């Protein structure tokens, strides 16, 4: 099995200049460690595309926390250093898109529904990434998210940008997210965001 964390480290070491990276982001806590590792090397744009999150108030709440994190970084008020100011783009919320791929699939962490949810969000990211050099996601920092599935989907997508492999939960990544949020007062949600089981 490919060591995705090592693969990413090799890519970072081989970079020439500061390439652009579109990084799909699920929430501020997960973004912390990913930006700690990537922002010193890439010109990062965060892409908030999470049609699975419900209700819409929760979607907006997580977006506002991301804005707070970006402001912390760009105003040098935390320990995350960025070679270029971090940018944030919010996709228009479309919960029906998630309902469509989730139809008939059990709400079970790590099940087929999760795979389809990953695929939906990464497809949307790949479509937006046409003018970027790299694209990736923060999702693998969670201990509940399958990094191999994410890599399988990411490498299969048709995109001008190169897929950035990642298993951000390695090397204390998840623990860093907890400590950062406690230190800087960021909201940490207690569920991935998706709605209860959708029946056929």
Protein backbone atom coordinates (compact mmCIF):
# COMPACT_ATOMS: atom_id res chain seq x y z
CA UNK A 1 0.00 0.00 0.00
CA UNK A 2 1.35 3.41 -0.99
CA UNK A 3 2.49 5.61 1.90
CA UNK A 4 0.60 8.77 0.95
CA UNK A 5 2.27 10.95 3.55
CA UNK A 6 5.74 10.02 2.23
CA UNK A 7 4.58 10.60 -1.34
CA UNK A 8 3.42 14.10 -0.44
CA UNK A 9 6.73 14.86 1.30
CA UNK A 10 8.61 13.83 -1.85
CA UNK A 11 6.46 16.13 -3.98
CA UNK A 12 7.01 19.06 -1.63
CA UNK A 13 10.78 18.55 -1.71
CA UNK A 14 10.76 18.49 -5.52
CA UNK A 15 8.73 21.68 -6.01
CA UNK A 16 10.13 24.44 -8.18
CA UNK A 17 8.83 27.83 -7.08
CA UNK A 18 5.43 28.26 -5.44
CA UNK A 19 2.80 26.35 -7.44
CA UNK A 20 -0.90 27.03 -7.07
CA UNK A 21 -2.95 24.54 -5.07
CA UNK A 22 -6.73 24.26 -4.85
CA UNK A 23 -7.37 22.51 -1.56
CA UNK A 24 -10.86 21.20 -0.89
CA UNK A 25 -11.65 22.03 2.74
CA UNK A 26 -14.35 20.48 4.90
CA UNK A 27 -13.98 22.70 7.98
CA UNK A 28 -11.56 24.98 9.84
CA UNK A 29 -10.25 22.36 12.30
CA UNK A 30 -9.20 19.98 9.52
CA UNK A 31 -7.64 22.83 7.55
CA UNK A 32 -5.26 23.80 10.37
CA UNK A 33 -2.72 20.98 10.06
CA UNK A 34 -3.04 20.80 6.29
CA UNK A 35 -2.19 24.50 5.96
CA UNK A 36 0.60 24.16 8.52
CA UNK A 37 2.19 21.64 6.20
CA UNK A 38 1.30 23.06 2.77
CA UNK A 39 1.03 26.85 3.04
CA UNK A 40 4.83 27.36 3.31
CA UNK A 41 5.24 25.65 -0.08
CA UNK A 42 2.12 26.35 -2.17
CA UNK A 43 0.00 29.32 -3.17
CA UNK A 44 -3.13 27.90 -1.51
CA UNK A 45 -6.77 28.55 -2.33
CA UNK A 46 -9.23 26.76 -0.06
CA UNK A 47 -12.37 25.49 -1.77
CA UNK A 48 -15.34 25.08 0.57
CA UNK A 49 -17.57 22.60 -1.29
CA UNK A 50 -19.57 20.37 1.06
CA UNK A 51 -23.11 19.74 -0.11
CA UNK A 52 -23.36 16.93 2.46
CA UNK A 53 -23.50 19.36 5.39
CA UNK A 54 -26.96 19.83 6.88
CA UNK A 55 -28.67 22.08 7.78
CA UNK A 56 -27.63 25.15 5.82
CA UNK A 57 -27.00 27.05 9.08
CA UNK A 58 -24.27 24.53 9.88
CA UNK A 59 -22.81 25.00 6.40
CA UNK A 60 -22.61 28.74 6.98
CA UNK A 61 -21.25 28.36 10.51
CA UNK A 62 -18.34 26.21 9.32
CA UNK A 63 -17.62 28.67 6.53
CA UNK A 64 -17.40 31.56 9.03
CA UNK A 65 -14.92 29.55 11.09
CA UNK A 66 -12.82 29.09 7.96
CA UNK A 67 -12.84 32.83 7.39
CA UNK A 68 -11.62 33.27 10.95
CA UNK A 69 -8.78 30.80 10.37
CA UNK A 70 -7.74 32.45 7.10
CA UNK A 71 -7.65 35.82 8.85
CA UNK A 72 -5.50 34.37 11.64
CA UNK A 73 -3.01 33.08 9.08
CA UNK A 74 -2.93 36.08 6.76
CA UNK A 75 -2.59 38.52 9.66
CA UNK A 76 0.15 36.38 11.25
CA UNK A 77 -1.82 35.78 14.44
CA UNK A 78 -1.04 32.06 14.70
CA UNK A 79 1.83 29.64 14.11
CA UNK A 80 0.85 28.73 10.53
CA UNK A 81 3.15 30.43 8.05
CA UNK A 82 2.02 31.01 4.47
CA UNK A 83 4.33 31.93 1.60
CA UNK A 84 1.34 33.62 -0.09
CA UNK A 85 -1.91 34.88 1.46
CA UNK A 86 -4.38 32.03 1.79
CA UNK A 87 -7.56 32.52 -0.25
CA UNK A 88 -11.01 31.04 0.37
CA UNK A 89 -13.74 30.30 -2.17
CA UNK A 90 -17.21 29.10 -1.16
CA UNK A 91 -19.20 26.91 -3.53
CA UNK A 92 -22.92 27.59 -3.70
CA UNK A 93 -24.72 25.18 -1.38
CA UNK A 94 -26.65 22.41 -3.16
CA UNK A 95 -27.79 19.79 -0.67
CA UNK A 96 -29.86 18.00 -3.31
CA UNK A 97 -26.64 17.02 -5.07
CA UNK A 98 -25.62 15.09 -1.95
CA UNK A 99 -29.09 13.60 -1.47
CA UNK A 100 -28.88 12.23 -5.00
CA UNK A 101 -25.61 10.32 -4.45
CA UNK A 102 -26.63 9.24 -0.92
CA UNK A 103 -29.97 7.78 -1.98
CA UNK A 104 -30.48 4.31 -0.52
CA UNK A 105 -27.09 4.16 1.21
CA UNK A 106 -26.79 3.62 4.96
CA UNK A 107 -25.36 6.38 7.12
CA UNK A 108 -22.41 4.38 8.41
CA UNK A 109 -18.96 5.90 8.79
CA UNK A 110 -16.64 4.30 6.27
CA UNK A 111 -19.43 2.77 4.21
CA UNK A 112 -20.43 3.16 0.53
CA UNK A 113 -22.24 6.41 1.31
CA UNK A 114 -18.96 7.97 2.45
CA UNK A 115 -17.22 6.91 -0.75
CA UNK A 116 -19.92 8.59 -2.85
CA UNK A 117 -19.74 11.70 -0.67
CA UNK A 118 -15.96 11.90 -1.11
CA UNK A 119 -16.38 11.43 -4.85
CA UNK A 120 -18.98 14.19 -5.16
CA UNK A 121 -16.84 16.75 -3.36
CA UNK A 122 -13.61 15.84 -5.13
CA UNK A 123 -15.32 15.91 -8.54
CA UNK A 124 -16.56 19.41 -7.78
CA UNK A 125 -13.06 20.41 -6.69
CA UNK A 126 -11.46 18.96 -9.83
CA UNK A 127 -13.92 20.89 -12.00
CA UNK A 128 -13.00 24.14 -10.26
CA UNK A 129 -9.26 23.36 -10.35
CA UNK A 130 -8.79 23.72 -14.10
CA UNK A 131 -6.61 26.84 -13.71
CA UNK A 132 -4.54 25.47 -10.81
CA UNK A 133 -1.38 23.37 -10.88
CA UNK A 134 -2.36 21.03 -8.03
CA UNK A 135 -5.52 20.01 -6.21
CA UNK A 136 -6.22 18.01 -3.08
CA UNK A 137 -8.37 17.77 0.05
CA UNK A 138 -8.11 18.17 3.82
CA UNK A 139 -10.44 15.22 4.48
CA UNK A 140 -7.72 12.68 5.29
CA UNK A 141 -6.73 14.47 8.51
CA UNK A 142 -9.76 12.93 10.22
CA UNK A 143 -9.19 9.51 11.80
CA UNK A 144 -12.60 8.54 10.40
CA UNK A 145 -11.78 9.28 6.76
CA UNK A 146 -10.25 6.70 4.41
CA UNK A 147 -7.13 8.22 2.87
CA UNK A 148 -6.73 5.37 0.35
CA UNK A 149 -10.26 5.93 -0.95
CA UNK A 150 -9.60 9.65 -1.27
CA UNK A 151 -6.41 8.95 -3.22
CA UNK A 152 -8.17 6.44 -5.45
CA UNK A 153 -10.83 9.00 -6.33
CA UNK A 154 -8.42 11.92 -6.69
CA UNK A 155 -6.08 10.10 -9.06
CA UNK A 156 -9.00 8.91 -11.21
CA UNK A 157 -10.43 12.35 -11.91
CA UNK A 158 -9.92 14.10 -15.23
CA UNK A 159 -8.30 17.41 -14.30
CA UNK A 160 -5.59 19.68 -15.70
CA UNK A 161 -4.24 20.03 -12.17
CA UNK A 162 -2.14 17.28 -10.57
CA UNK A 163 -3.60 15.36 -7.64
CA UNK A 164 -1.75 15.89 -4.34
CA UNK A 165 -1.69 12.63 -2.34
CA UNK A 166 -2.20 12.98 1.41
CA UNK A 167 -2.76 11.19 4.65
CA UNK A 168 -2.78 14.21 6.93
CA UNK A 169 -3.64 12.22 10.06
CA UNK A 170 -0.01 11.03 10.13
CA UNK A 171 2.72 12.69 12.24
CA UNK A 172 0.29 14.02 14.82
CA UNK A 173 -1.86 15.85 12.30
CA UNK A 174 -5.20 15.17 13.96
CA UNK A 175 -3.87 15.99 17.43
CA UNK A 176 -2.59 19.32 16.09
CA UNK A 177 -6.10 20.21 14.91
CA UNK A 178 -7.46 19.69 18.42
CA UNK A 179 -4.72 21.72 20.09
CA UNK A 180 -5.01 24.57 17.56
CA UNK A 181 -8.77 24.86 18.01
CA UNK A 182 -8.45 24.87 21.79
CA UNK A 183 -5.77 27.55 21.65
CA UNK A 184 -7.48 29.86 19.17
CA UNK A 185 -11.12 29.18 20.01
CA UNK A 186 -12.22 27.62 16.73
CA UNK A 187 -15.51 25.73 16.59
CA UNK A 188 -15.07 21.96 16.35
CA UNK A 189 -18.19 20.20 15.11
CA UNK A 190 -19.07 16.74 16.41
CA UNK A 191 -20.43 15.20 13.21
CA UNK A 192 -19.27 15.07 9.61
CA UNK A 193 -22.30 17.05 8.51
CA UNK A 194 -24.41 14.61 6.54
CA UNK A 195 -28.11 14.02 7.07
CA UNK A 196 -29.70 10.80 8.37
CA UNK A 197 -30.05 7.79 6.09
CA UNK A 198 -31.73 8.50 2.77
CA UNK A 199 -34.27 5.86 1.75
CA UNK A 200 -35.11 4.86 -1.81
